[in-house]
């Protein structure tokens, strides 16, 4: 199901604004790359969840996990490097039916 096809233009604009504010705030507050990502881990769920988004009878909530430097995958092929982190931030969205 294409859940976001049910979102109104107003709610879509609110969501875009919330994400922009989270990103801007994280960049302003972060001292370096890890602290900026840690800020995003907090800011994105805070701003998005304040919207109380109900889309097509479903409620959307967002969470984040700071995964900087873990987990790592190992590989061969790049000189001088044999492992790399999978990512810095894991965003989790929960879409639940609203009765």
Protein backbone atom coordinates (compact mmCIF):
# COMPACT_ATOMS: atom_id res chain seq x y z
CA UNK A 1 0.00 0.00 0.00
CA UNK A 2 1.26 3.47 -0.85
CA UNK A 3 0.47 5.06 2.50
CA UNK A 4 1.95 8.44 1.63
CA UNK A 5 -0.45 8.82 -1.29
CA UNK A 6 -3.07 9.45 1.40
CA UNK A 7 -1.22 12.33 3.06
CA UNK A 8 -2.62 15.81 2.51
CA UNK A 9 -0.48 18.56 1.04
CA UNK A 10 -0.60 20.38 4.39
CA UNK A 11 0.66 17.35 6.32
CA UNK A 12 3.29 16.65 3.64
CA UNK A 13 4.52 20.25 3.94
CA UNK A 14 4.53 19.93 7.75
CA UNK A 15 6.62 16.76 7.49
CA UNK A 16 9.11 18.41 5.13
CA UNK A 17 9.37 21.42 7.45
CA UNK A 18 9.91 19.15 10.49
CA UNK A 19 12.72 17.30 8.71
CA UNK A 20 14.35 20.56 7.60
CA UNK A 21 14.20 21.92 11.17
CA UNK A 22 15.69 18.70 12.56
CA UNK A 23 18.54 18.73 10.04
CA UNK A 24 19.24 22.46 10.51
CA UNK A 25 19.19 22.15 14.32
CA UNK A 26 21.50 19.14 14.21
CA UNK A 27 24.01 20.92 12.01
CA UNK A 28 23.93 24.00 14.25
CA UNK A 29 24.38 21.97 17.47
CA UNK A 30 26.82 19.34 16.23
CA UNK A 31 30.51 19.95 16.82
CA UNK A 32 31.69 17.18 14.48
CA UNK A 33 30.23 14.40 12.34
CA UNK A 34 29.45 11.98 15.22
CA UNK A 35 27.79 14.66 17.35
CA UNK A 36 25.77 15.93 14.37
CA UNK A 37 24.49 12.40 13.70
CA UNK A 38 23.73 11.97 17.41
CA UNK A 39 21.70 15.20 17.26
CA UNK A 40 19.81 13.88 14.22
CA UNK A 41 19.01 10.72 16.19
CA UNK A 42 17.21 12.92 18.70
CA UNK A 43 15.92 15.75 16.51
CA UNK A 44 14.20 13.82 13.70
CA UNK A 45 11.90 11.77 15.98
CA UNK A 46 11.21 14.81 18.17
CA UNK A 47 10.08 17.03 15.31
CA UNK A 48 8.24 14.36 13.30
CA UNK A 49 6.39 12.85 16.27
CA UNK A 50 5.14 16.29 17.34
CA UNK A 51 3.07 16.33 14.14
CA UNK A 52 0.86 13.43 15.36
CA UNK A 53 0.59 12.22 11.76
CA UNK A 54 -2.49 10.16 10.95
CA UNK A 55 -2.45 9.11 7.30
CA UNK A 56 -5.30 7.13 5.78
CA UNK A 57 -6.34 5.69 9.15
CA UNK A 58 -2.75 4.89 10.22
CA UNK A 59 -0.56 6.66 12.77
CA UNK A 60 3.09 7.31 11.90
CA UNK A 61 5.76 7.55 14.58
CA UNK A 62 9.52 7.69 14.14
CA UNK A 63 12.46 6.63 16.30
CA UNK A 64 16.19 6.65 15.82
CA UNK A 65 19.23 4.65 16.91
CA UNK A 66 22.75 6.09 16.87
CA UNK A 67 24.88 3.31 15.34
CA UNK A 68 28.10 5.22 14.62
CA UNK A 69 31.02 2.81 14.00
CA UNK A 70 28.86 -0.27 14.68
CA UNK A 71 28.09 -2.64 13.19
CA UNK A 72 30.86 -3.08 10.66
CA UNK A 73 31.12 -5.36 7.67
CA UNK A 74 34.35 -6.90 6.43
CA UNK A 75 35.37 -7.18 2.80
CA UNK A 76 38.37 -7.30 0.52
CA UNK A 77 39.24 -5.18 -2.44
CA UNK A 78 40.13 -1.72 -1.15
CA UNK A 79 43.81 -1.29 -0.35
CA UNK A 80 44.39 -0.48 3.31
CA UNK A 81 40.78 -1.05 4.38
CA UNK A 82 39.09 -4.31 5.24
CA UNK A 83 36.01 -3.19 7.17
CA UNK A 84 33.54 -0.33 7.05
CA UNK A 85 30.61 0.79 9.17
CA UNK A 86 27.16 0.05 7.81
CA UNK A 87 25.86 3.48 8.76
CA UNK A 88 25.60 6.20 11.38
CA UNK A 89 21.88 6.51 12.01
CA UNK A 90 19.09 3.96 11.88
CA UNK A 91 15.64 5.54 11.51
CA UNK A 92 12.69 3.37 12.47
CA UNK A 93 9.18 4.24 11.39
CA UNK A 94 6.19 2.60 12.99
CA UNK A 95 2.92 2.67 11.13
CA UNK A 96 0.01 1.49 13.26
CA UNK A 97 -3.68 1.18 12.43
CA UNK A 98 -5.70 3.85 14.25
CA UNK A 99 -9.14 2.76 15.44
